[in-house]
Amino acid sequence: MNKIMFKKGFIMRSKLCSFLLSVLFLSASCKKNDKQISDNSKKSTDKLTASSTTDSSPEKVMTIDHQLPPVSQLRRKKPSPRIKSVNFQNIKSSSTKLPHTKIQPSRIAAGNFFGKNKQLIYLSKNRIRLLNLKGQILAEKPAPASPRLVKTLKNPKTGNDELAVAWGRGRKKNTSVITLSIYRFAEGKIIPRHIYSPSTQRPDPVSLHIHKNKTLYFAFHINKYKVKIVKTSKPFVDLKEIGIFKMISNISTVNYNKKNHLVVSRIYGDKPGSPGELFLLSPSGKKVKLPSLRGVRGLLAANVNSTPEEEILIGDGWDKNYGKIARPLLSKLKLNSENKFEKEIVDEIKNNFSIIQIEKADLDGDKKIDIVVKGNNIIKAYFPSQNWKSYVLAKVSGFDPFVVSDIDNDGKDELLLVNPYPQTLKLRLE
């Protein structure tokens, strides 16, 4: 019996000793950790104190580094193809490089500016150059700022083309002044006439439209949100203000009720971030809202189906949440039996978030109007006379506009691009 009691007592004492040893070990380790933390905090305090006495730079903010899990365990979100830029690629088109110059042009134009042969105009920051198709510089001249908008117009007296250019600020030059200029060309000469230079808080031209080679409409920012529209007729001397509206993206003209009306598109409404709209502005100044989905960017009025009345083509569906909500819609508006415009969606372009530019052309040489559309990642051609059959001409990213011109005089229009390098695109059907 005594032996059994002795064994039980020994076991109890052993367990108690083990427990006391573990408590002492934990206590010692806690003290050690506390000492390390205090030492580290003291060192960091000393460093901050020393730096504050010797360095006059702003106070540094200390952050705690958290150890991240391995990269393989992180969820990688693939960027949406509609917002991801793409490399240039011909699809239903062939490319021909235009002459290379030391200074990359940011805008380009082509036409019969003098003589019988076609020439090129390269516009870059503070410079305008006239070239032949072989790349020889025929004339060049300093320019007011960075080229933003370019349109060609015909001089009825000489039969030669002239150039209307809206200059403004570039990406790095924010002190520029908006200047609207008309350029004439002669052999070895560039003859500018600056017709308008308003003082604005935001030197950004918005849209330039020439109606039947006679009347020029010009929209430009006067401050962050407000855009003014003015017009002038040949000889482009006196300018008349039409109106001021917020966040205008484009202007055009349409023949409605046998009168010329201005069409105005907006990417946003009167309140920042609110949906945009499309409206007509009558000669008397009356505003008539037209059907559209949210913000509108691309805009063109044309007789696409050889009808007496023009149709309005728009790129609508824009939203400030362009990664998820915006829809790149090509829509057309035409008059119904009640003499009101009704909207029909022609197409929604995949893997894009906006339609930026809409132009008419004759890509196949059949003397009928074709429509060329530029999205943020694509250039696409539509053929209204063939039930709106369409082809993707090329994949190309960016917001630089293209120019339509039959540069080789074969009866088929080409598209002139400046990015990724100066080149022409030609429809290729196989």
Protein backbone atom coordinates (compact mmCIF):
# COMPACT_ATOMS: atom_id res chain seq x y z
CA MET A 1 0.00 0.00 0.00
CA ASN A 2 2.81 2.38 0.91
CA LYS A 3 4.52 1.63 -2.37
CA ILE A 4 1.38 2.52 -4.33
CA MET A 5 0.98 5.81 -2.46
CA PHE A 6 4.62 6.63 -3.03
CA LYS A 7 4.25 6.06 -6.81
CA LYS A 8 1.15 8.28 -6.98
CA GLY A 9 2.92 11.05 -5.07
CA PHE A 10 5.93 10.84 -7.33
CA ILE A 11 3.75 11.12 -10.46
CA MET A 12 1.92 14.15 -9.05
CA ARG A 13 5.18 15.90 -8.17
CA SER A 14 6.59 15.20 -11.67
CA LYS A 15 3.51 16.72 -13.35
CA LEU A 16 3.67 19.76 -11.08
CA CYS A 17 7.35 20.29 -11.88
CA SER A 18 6.64 20.00 -15.62
CA PHE A 19 3.86 22.56 -15.32
CA LEU A 20 6.03 25.01 -13.40
CA LEU A 21 8.88 24.64 -15.89
CA SER A 22 6.56 25.37 -18.84
CA VAL A 23 5.20 28.49 -17.11
CA LEU A 24 8.73 29.75 -16.45
CA PHE A 25 9.71 29.11 -20.08
CA LEU A 26 6.72 31.03 -21.42
CA SER A 27 7.39 33.92 -19.08
CA ALA A 28 11.02 34.13 -20.16
CA SER A 29 10.15 34.06 -23.87
CA CYS A 30 7.51 36.82 -23.41
CA LYS A 31 10.06 39.02 -21.62
CA LYS A 32 12.55 38.40 -24.42
CA ASN A 33 9.99 39.37 -27.09
CA ASP A 34 9.00 42.48 -25.12
CA LYS A 35 12.65 43.48 -24.90
CA GLN A 36 13.17 42.97 -28.64
CA ILE A 37 10.08 45.05 -29.47
CA SER A 38 11.18 47.85 -27.13
CA ASP A 39 14.69 47.78 -28.58
CA ASN A 40 13.34 47.93 -32.14
CA SER A 41 10.96 50.76 -31.32
CA LYS A 42 13.77 52.63 -29.61
CA LYS A 43 16.02 52.18 -32.66
CA SER A 44 13.29 53.38 -35.05
CA THR A 45 12.58 56.35 -32.77
CA ASP A 46 16.28 57.21 -32.69
CA LYS A 47 16.43 57.00 -36.49
CA LEU A 48 13.38 59.21 -36.93
CA THR A 49 14.77 61.70 -34.41
CA ALA A 50 18.13 61.79 -36.14
CA SER A 51 16.55 62.22 -39.58
CA SER A 52 14.26 64.98 -38.34
CA THR A 53 17.22 66.94 -37.04
CA THR A 54 19.33 66.58 -40.17
CA ASP A 55 16.72 66.34 -42.96
CA SER A 56 14.26 69.13 -43.78
CA SER A 57 12.12 66.89 -46.04
CA PRO A 58 8.45 66.21 -45.15
CA GLU A 59 7.69 63.73 -42.39
CA LYS A 60 7.85 60.12 -43.52
CA VAL A 61 4.92 57.82 -42.91
CA MET A 62 5.81 54.42 -41.49
CA THR A 63 3.95 51.43 -42.85
CA ILE A 64 3.75 47.81 -41.78
CA ASP A 65 4.72 45.23 -44.36
CA HIS A 66 2.37 42.30 -44.51
CA GLN A 67 3.66 39.10 -45.98
CA LEU A 68 1.67 38.29 -49.12
CA PRO A 69 0.77 34.76 -50.14
CA PRO A 70 2.66 33.24 -53.07
CA VAL A 71 1.82 34.70 -56.50
CA SER A 72 0.38 31.35 -57.54
CA GLN A 73 -2.29 31.70 -54.83
CA LEU A 74 -3.34 35.23 -55.84
CA ARG A 75 -6.35 35.62 -58.13
CA ARG A 76 -5.27 37.43 -61.27
CA LYS A 77 -8.00 39.52 -62.89
CA LYS A 78 -7.65 39.49 -66.65
CA PRO A 79 -8.01 42.98 -68.15
CA SER A 80 -11.19 43.40 -70.15
CA PRO A 81 -10.47 43.11 -73.90
CA ARG A 82 -12.63 46.19 -74.49
CA ILE A 83 -10.24 48.46 -72.57
CA LYS A 84 -6.95 46.71 -73.33
CA SER A 85 -5.07 48.26 -76.25
CA VAL A 86 -4.16 46.06 -79.21
CA ASN A 87 -1.26 45.94 -81.63
CA PHE A 88 -1.94 47.08 -85.17
CA GLN A 89 -3.15 44.26 -87.42
CA ASN A 90 -4.62 44.23 -90.92
CA ILE A 91 -7.78 42.12 -91.24
CA LYS A 92 -9.69 42.98 -94.43
CA SER A 93 -7.26 45.62 -95.58
CA SER A 94 -3.80 46.12 -96.99
CA SER A 95 -1.39 48.78 -95.78
CA THR A 96 1.03 51.03 -97.59
CA LYS A 97 3.50 53.11 -95.64
CA LEU A 98 3.46 56.81 -96.33
CA PRO A 99 6.72 58.81 -96.56
CA HIS A 100 8.71 58.88 -93.34
CA THR A 101 9.89 62.17 -91.86
CA LYS A 102 12.08 62.97 -88.90
CA ILE A 103 9.16 64.48 -87.00
CA GLN A 104 6.22 62.11 -86.57
CA PRO A 105 2.98 63.86 -87.62
CA SER A 106 0.08 63.88 -85.19
CA ARG A 107 -2.45 64.78 -87.93
CA ILE A 108 -2.45 64.17 -91.65
CA ALA A 109 -4.36 65.32 -94.75
CA ALA A 110 -4.30 64.65 -98.49
CA GLY A 111 -5.66 66.52 -101.50
CA ASN A 112 -4.99 68.50 -104.67
CA PHE A 113 -3.58 71.52 -102.89
CA PHE A 114 -1.89 72.85 -106.04
CA GLY A 115 -1.33 71.49 -109.53
CA LYS A 116 -2.82 68.25 -110.82
CA ASN A 117 -1.09 65.74 -108.55
CA LYS A 118 -2.11 64.92 -105.00
CA GLN A 119 -0.01 66.01 -102.07
CA LEU A 120 0.20 65.21 -98.37
CA ILE A 121 0.03 67.57 -95.42
CA TYR A 122 1.86 66.49 -92.26
CA LEU A 123 0.91 68.45 -89.14
CA SER A 124 2.85 68.24 -85.91
CA LYS A 125 3.49 70.43 -82.90
CA ASN A 126 4.28 73.97 -84.12
CA ARG A 127 4.89 72.78 -87.70
CA ILE A 128 2.97 72.22 -90.96
CA ARG A 129 4.64 70.57 -93.97
CA LEU A 130 3.60 70.03 -97.57
CA LEU A 131 4.96 66.83 -99.20
CA ASN A 132 4.56 65.00 -102.47
CA LEU A 133 3.75 61.30 -102.44
CA LYS A 134 7.45 60.43 -102.73
CA GLY A 135 8.17 62.17 -99.42
CA GLN A 136 9.88 65.28 -100.76
CA ILE A 137 9.09 68.30 -98.58
CA LEU A 138 7.77 71.01 -100.91
CA ALA A 139 7.17 73.63 -98.24
CA GLU A 140 6.95 73.99 -94.47
CA LYS A 141 5.97 76.67 -92.03
CA PRO A 142 5.78 77.24 -88.26
CA ALA A 143 2.35 76.76 -86.70
CA PRO A 144 0.66 78.24 -83.60
CA ALA A 145 0.35 75.12 -81.42
CA SER A 146 -0.56 71.42 -81.66
CA PRO A 147 -2.95 70.34 -84.45
CA ARG A 148 -6.23 68.97 -83.12
CA LEU A 149 -8.83 69.13 -85.92
CA VAL A 150 -8.25 69.08 -89.69
CA LYS A 151 -10.74 69.41 -92.58
CA THR A 152 -10.24 69.94 -96.32
CA LEU A 153 -12.43 72.25 -98.39
CA LYS A 154 -12.51 73.18 -102.05
CA ASN A 155 -11.70 76.64 -103.36
CA PRO A 156 -14.32 77.18 -106.13
CA LYS A 157 -12.19 79.78 -107.93
CA THR A 158 -8.99 77.76 -108.27
CA GLY A 159 -10.43 74.25 -107.94
CA ASN A 160 -7.66 73.40 -105.47
CA ASP A 161 -8.10 72.09 -101.95
CA GLU A 162 -7.54 74.23 -98.89
CA LEU A 163 -7.11 73.18 -95.29
CA ALA A 164 -8.97 74.25 -92.16
CA VAL A 165 -7.00 73.52 -88.98
CA ALA A 166 -7.94 74.03 -85.33
CA TRP A 167 -4.82 74.34 -83.20
CA GLY A 168 -4.79 73.90 -79.42
CA ARG A 169 -2.86 72.44 -76.54
CA GLY A 170 -1.00 69.19 -76.85
CA ARG A 171 -0.22 66.61 -74.20
CA LYS A 172 2.70 68.58 -72.79
CA LYS A 173 1.90 72.15 -73.81
CA ASN A 174 -0.92 73.48 -71.63
CA THR A 175 -0.31 77.18 -72.25
CA SER A 176 -1.34 77.14 -75.92
CA VAL A 177 -4.12 79.29 -77.36
CA ILE A 178 -6.89 77.97 -79.61
CA THR A 179 -6.38 79.15 -83.18
CA LEU A 180 -8.60 78.43 -86.19
CA SER A 181 -6.69 78.78 -89.47
CA ILE A 182 -7.32 78.42 -93.19
CA TYR A 183 -4.34 77.39 -95.34
CA ARG A 184 -3.83 77.91 -99.06
CA PHE A 185 -0.95 76.34 -100.95
CA ALA A 186 1.15 77.25 -103.94
CA GLU A 187 4.28 75.72 -105.35
CA GLY A 188 6.82 76.05 -102.57
CA LYS A 189 4.47 78.16 -100.42
CA ILE A 190 2.12 77.69 -97.49
CA ILE A 191 -0.15 80.70 -97.06
CA PRO A 192 -1.92 80.81 -93.67
CA ARG A 193 -4.81 82.99 -92.58
CA HIS A 194 -5.67 82.83 -88.89
CA ILE A 195 -9.36 83.70 -88.67
CA TYR A 196 -10.20 83.12 -85.00
CA SER A 197 -8.27 82.91 -81.74
CA PRO A 198 -10.52 83.06 -78.66
CA SER A 199 -9.22 83.41 -75.12
CA THR A 200 -10.33 80.39 -73.07
CA GLN A 201 -9.58 78.67 -69.78
CA ARG A 202 -9.24 75.33 -71.56
CA PRO A 203 -7.59 75.48 -75.02
CA ASP A 204 -9.19 72.32 -76.40
CA PRO A 205 -10.93 72.34 -79.81
CA VAL A 206 -13.82 69.84 -79.88
CA SER A 207 -15.30 69.58 -83.37
CA LEU A 208 -14.95 71.17 -86.81
CA HIS A 209 -17.65 70.76 -89.47
CA ILE A 210 -17.89 72.26 -92.97
CA HIS A 211 -21.36 72.33 -94.54
CA LYS A 212 -21.47 72.13 -98.35
CA ASN A 213 -18.08 73.81 -98.63
CA LYS A 214 -19.58 77.14 -97.57
CA THR A 215 -20.29 77.32 -93.84
CA LEU A 216 -17.80 76.37 -91.15
CA TYR A 217 -18.98 75.33 -87.68
CA PHE A 218 -16.47 75.23 -84.84
CA ALA A 219 -16.93 73.94 -81.26
CA PHE A 220 -14.33 74.52 -78.55
CA HIS A 221 -14.00 74.48 -74.77
CA ILE A 222 -14.22 77.80 -72.97
CA ASN A 223 -13.67 76.15 -69.57
CA LYS A 224 -13.57 72.66 -68.09
CA TYR A 225 -17.17 71.75 -68.95
CA LYS A 226 -18.68 74.42 -71.22
CA VAL A 227 -18.30 74.32 -74.99
CA LYS A 228 -19.08 77.21 -77.34
CA ILE A 229 -20.26 76.76 -80.95
CA VAL A 230 -19.59 79.45 -83.55
CA LYS A 231 -20.08 79.56 -87.32
CA THR A 232 -18.71 81.55 -90.23
CA SER A 233 -19.36 81.55 -93.97
CA LYS A 234 -17.03 82.31 -96.84
CA PRO A 235 -14.85 84.33 -96.98
CA PHE A 236 -14.62 83.25 -93.29
CA VAL A 237 -14.27 86.70 -91.77
CA ASP A 238 -17.14 87.32 -89.35
CA LEU A 239 -17.99 84.64 -86.75
CA LYS A 240 -21.37 84.31 -85.09
CA GLU A 241 -22.00 82.58 -81.77
CA ILE A 242 -24.64 79.83 -81.89
CA GLY A 243 -24.72 78.68 -78.28
CA ILE A 244 -22.90 77.34 -75.23
CA PHE A 245 -23.57 73.82 -73.92
CA LYS A 246 -21.82 71.50 -71.49
CA MET A 247 -19.65 68.55 -72.56
CA ILE A 248 -20.25 68.62 -76.31
CA SER A 249 -18.44 65.83 -78.15
CA ASN A 250 -19.34 66.46 -81.81
CA ILE A 251 -21.35 68.62 -84.22
CA SER A 252 -22.76 68.07 -87.70
CA THR A 253 -25.59 69.37 -89.90
CA VAL A 254 -28.71 67.67 -91.28
CA ASN A 255 -31.39 68.74 -93.74
CA TYR A 256 -34.64 68.53 -91.80
CA ASN A 257 -37.97 70.00 -93.00
CA LYS A 258 -36.10 71.60 -95.91
CA LYS A 259 -33.92 73.59 -93.52
CA ASN A 260 -30.38 73.12 -92.32
CA HIS A 261 -30.26 72.11 -88.64
CA LEU A 262 -27.23 71.70 -86.43
CA VAL A 263 -26.90 68.30 -84.74
CA VAL A 264 -25.11 68.30 -81.39
CA SER A 265 -23.90 65.27 -79.41
CA ARG A 266 -22.86 65.25 -75.76
CA ILE A 267 -20.94 62.63 -73.81
CA TYR A 268 -22.35 63.85 -70.47
CA GLY A 269 -25.29 65.95 -69.34
CA ASP A 270 -25.39 69.19 -67.37
CA LYS A 271 -24.32 67.48 -64.15
CA PRO A 272 -20.84 65.87 -64.07
CA GLY A 273 -21.08 62.18 -64.93
CA SER A 274 -24.77 62.32 -65.91
CA PRO A 275 -25.86 60.63 -69.20
CA GLY A 276 -25.23 62.52 -72.42
CA GLU A 277 -27.68 63.18 -75.21
CA LEU A 278 -28.27 64.07 -78.86
CA PHE A 279 -30.30 67.05 -80.04
CA LEU A 280 -31.16 69.23 -83.03
CA LEU A 281 -30.64 72.97 -82.92
CA SER A 282 -32.94 74.76 -85.37
CA PRO A 283 -31.97 78.01 -87.16
CA SER A 284 -34.17 79.85 -84.63
CA GLY A 285 -32.25 78.28 -81.72
CA LYS A 286 -34.95 75.79 -80.69
CA LYS A 287 -33.55 72.62 -79.12
CA VAL A 288 -35.17 69.30 -80.13
CA LYS A 289 -34.00 66.18 -78.30
CA LEU A 290 -33.33 63.08 -80.42
CA PRO A 291 -33.40 59.41 -79.34
CA SER A 292 -30.05 58.04 -78.15
CA LEU A 293 -28.63 55.81 -75.42
CA ARG A 294 -26.57 57.75 -72.86
CA GLY A 295 -23.48 59.54 -74.17
CA VAL A 296 -22.79 60.05 -77.90
CA ARG A 297 -19.33 60.45 -79.48
CA GLY A 298 -19.29 59.63 -83.22
CA LEU A 299 -21.67 61.66 -85.42
CA LEU A 300 -22.40 61.88 -89.16
CA ALA A 301 -25.37 62.96 -91.31
CA ALA A 302 -25.51 61.52 -94.83
CA ASN A 303 -27.82 60.22 -97.57
CA VAL A 304 -26.68 56.63 -97.08
CA ASN A 305 -29.63 55.06 -98.95
CA SER A 306 -30.13 57.73 -101.64
CA THR A 307 -33.28 58.96 -99.92
CA PRO A 308 -34.48 62.59 -100.08
CA GLU A 309 -33.90 63.02 -96.35
CA GLU A 310 -30.55 62.53 -94.67
CA GLU A 311 -30.05 59.95 -91.95
CA ILE A 312 -28.09 60.61 -88.76
CA LEU A 313 -25.49 58.03 -87.77
CA ILE A 314 -24.27 58.09 -84.18
CA GLY A 315 -21.93 56.19 -81.90
CA ASP A 316 -23.94 56.10 -78.66
CA GLY A 317 -24.04 53.97 -75.51
CA TRP A 318 -21.17 55.78 -73.74
CA ASP A 319 -20.97 55.65 -69.94
CA LYS A 320 -18.31 56.86 -67.50
CA ASN A 321 -17.98 53.22 -66.35
CA TYR A 322 -16.58 52.30 -69.74
CA GLY A 323 -15.10 49.03 -68.52
CA LYS A 324 -18.50 47.47 -67.70
CA ILE A 325 -21.51 49.59 -68.64
CA ALA A 326 -20.55 51.48 -71.83
CA ARG A 327 -21.78 49.95 -75.11
CA PRO A 328 -20.15 50.80 -78.46
CA LEU A 329 -23.34 51.11 -80.53
CA LEU A 330 -23.60 52.20 -84.14
CA SER A 331 -27.14 53.55 -84.49
CA LYS A 332 -29.00 55.34 -87.26
CA LEU A 333 -31.81 57.85 -86.93
CA LYS A 334 -34.27 58.35 -89.79
CA LEU A 335 -37.60 60.09 -90.22
CA ASN A 336 -40.77 58.04 -89.80
CA SER A 337 -44.22 58.64 -91.24
CA GLU A 338 -44.92 61.22 -88.52
CA ASN A 339 -41.85 63.23 -89.57
CA LYS A 340 -40.03 62.35 -86.36
CA PHE A 341 -36.65 60.72 -85.98
CA GLU A 342 -36.65 57.13 -84.76
CA LYS A 343 -33.56 55.17 -83.76
CA GLU A 344 -32.40 51.76 -84.98
CA ILE A 345 -29.28 49.94 -83.77
CA VAL A 346 -27.11 48.83 -86.68
CA ASP A 347 -24.34 47.08 -84.77
CA GLU A 348 -22.59 46.72 -81.43
CA ILE A 349 -18.83 46.39 -81.83
CA LYS A 350 -17.25 43.72 -79.64
CA ASN A 351 -14.18 44.30 -77.49
CA ASN A 352 -14.54 48.09 -77.65
CA PHE A 353 -16.09 50.62 -75.28
CA SER A 354 -16.83 53.53 -77.64
CA ILE A 355 -17.31 54.56 -81.26
CA ILE A 356 -15.09 57.58 -81.74
CA GLN A 357 -15.40 58.53 -85.42
CA ILE A 358 -17.87 57.93 -88.27
CA GLU A 359 -17.07 58.95 -91.87
CA LYS A 360 -18.47 58.27 -95.33
CA ALA A 361 -16.33 56.86 -98.13
CA ASP A 362 -16.39 54.78 -101.30
CA LEU A 363 -14.13 51.86 -100.50
CA ASP A 364 -15.12 49.52 -103.33
CA GLY A 365 -15.51 52.06 -106.15
CA ASP A 366 -19.23 51.43 -106.82
CA LYS A 367 -20.10 55.15 -106.48
CA LYS A 368 -22.26 54.40 -103.45
CA ILE A 369 -21.78 55.65 -99.91
CA ASP A 370 -19.96 53.32 -97.53
CA ILE A 371 -19.56 54.02 -93.82
CA VAL A 372 -16.28 53.70 -91.93
CA VAL A 373 -16.36 53.53 -88.12
CA LYS A 374 -13.46 53.79 -85.69
CA GLY A 375 -13.75 52.34 -82.20
CA ASN A 376 -11.10 52.54 -79.52
CA ASN A 377 -9.62 49.24 -80.78
CA ILE A 378 -10.93 48.74 -84.31
CA ILE A 379 -11.72 50.20 -87.75
CA LYS A 380 -14.78 48.71 -89.40
CA ALA A 381 -16.48 49.28 -92.79
CA TYR A 382 -20.23 49.08 -93.46
CA PHE A 383 -22.05 48.92 -96.79
CA PRO A 384 -25.61 50.30 -96.46
CA SER A 385 -26.44 49.44 -100.09
CA GLN A 386 -25.72 45.78 -99.29
CA ASN A 387 -28.01 45.56 -96.25
CA TRP A 388 -25.29 46.96 -93.99
CA LYS A 389 -22.81 44.18 -94.66
CA SER A 390 -19.64 44.87 -92.70
CA TYR A 391 -15.95 44.00 -92.56
CA VAL A 392 -13.31 44.61 -89.91
CA LEU A 393 -10.59 46.45 -91.78
CA ALA A 394 -7.96 46.55 -89.05
CA LYS A 395 -7.30 46.35 -85.34
CA VAL A 396 -5.77 49.59 -84.11
CA SER A 397 -5.92 51.36 -80.75
CA GLY A 398 -5.97 55.03 -79.91
CA PHE A 399 -8.07 58.14 -80.45
CA ASP A 400 -6.22 59.69 -83.40
CA PRO A 401 -8.67 60.27 -86.27
CA PHE A 402 -8.33 58.79 -89.75
CA VAL A 403 -8.75 60.69 -93.03
CA VAL A 404 -10.63 59.49 -96.13
CA SER A 405 -9.01 60.19 -99.51
CA ASP A 406 -8.51 58.51 -102.89
CA ILE A 407 -4.81 59.11 -102.76
CA ASP A 408 -3.86 56.92 -105.75
CA ASN A 409 -6.75 58.11 -108.00
CA ASP A 410 -8.09 54.61 -108.69
CA GLY A 411 -11.70 55.46 -107.80
CA LYS A 412 -11.49 53.74 -104.40
CA ASP A 413 -10.96 55.64 -101.17
CA GLU A 414 -8.16 54.84 -98.76
CA LEU A 415 -7.92 55.63 -95.06
CA LEU A 416 -4.93 57.63 -93.90
CA LEU A 417 -3.61 56.89 -90.40
CA VAL A 418 -0.84 58.45 -88.33
CA ASN A 419 -0.47 55.65 -85.78
CA PRO A 420 1.43 53.43 -85.30
CA TYR A 421 3.07 55.16 -88.30
CA PRO A 422 1.81 57.18 -91.32
CA GLN A 423 0.12 54.73 -93.68
CA THR A 424 -2.89 54.10 -95.88
CA LEU A 425 -5.47 51.35 -95.44
CA LYS A 426 -7.20 49.91 -98.50
CA LEU A 427 -10.15 47.52 -98.51
CA ARG A 428 -9.03 44.04 -99.50
CA LEU A 429 -11.71 41.60 -100.68
CA GLU A 430 -10.56 38.08 -101.58
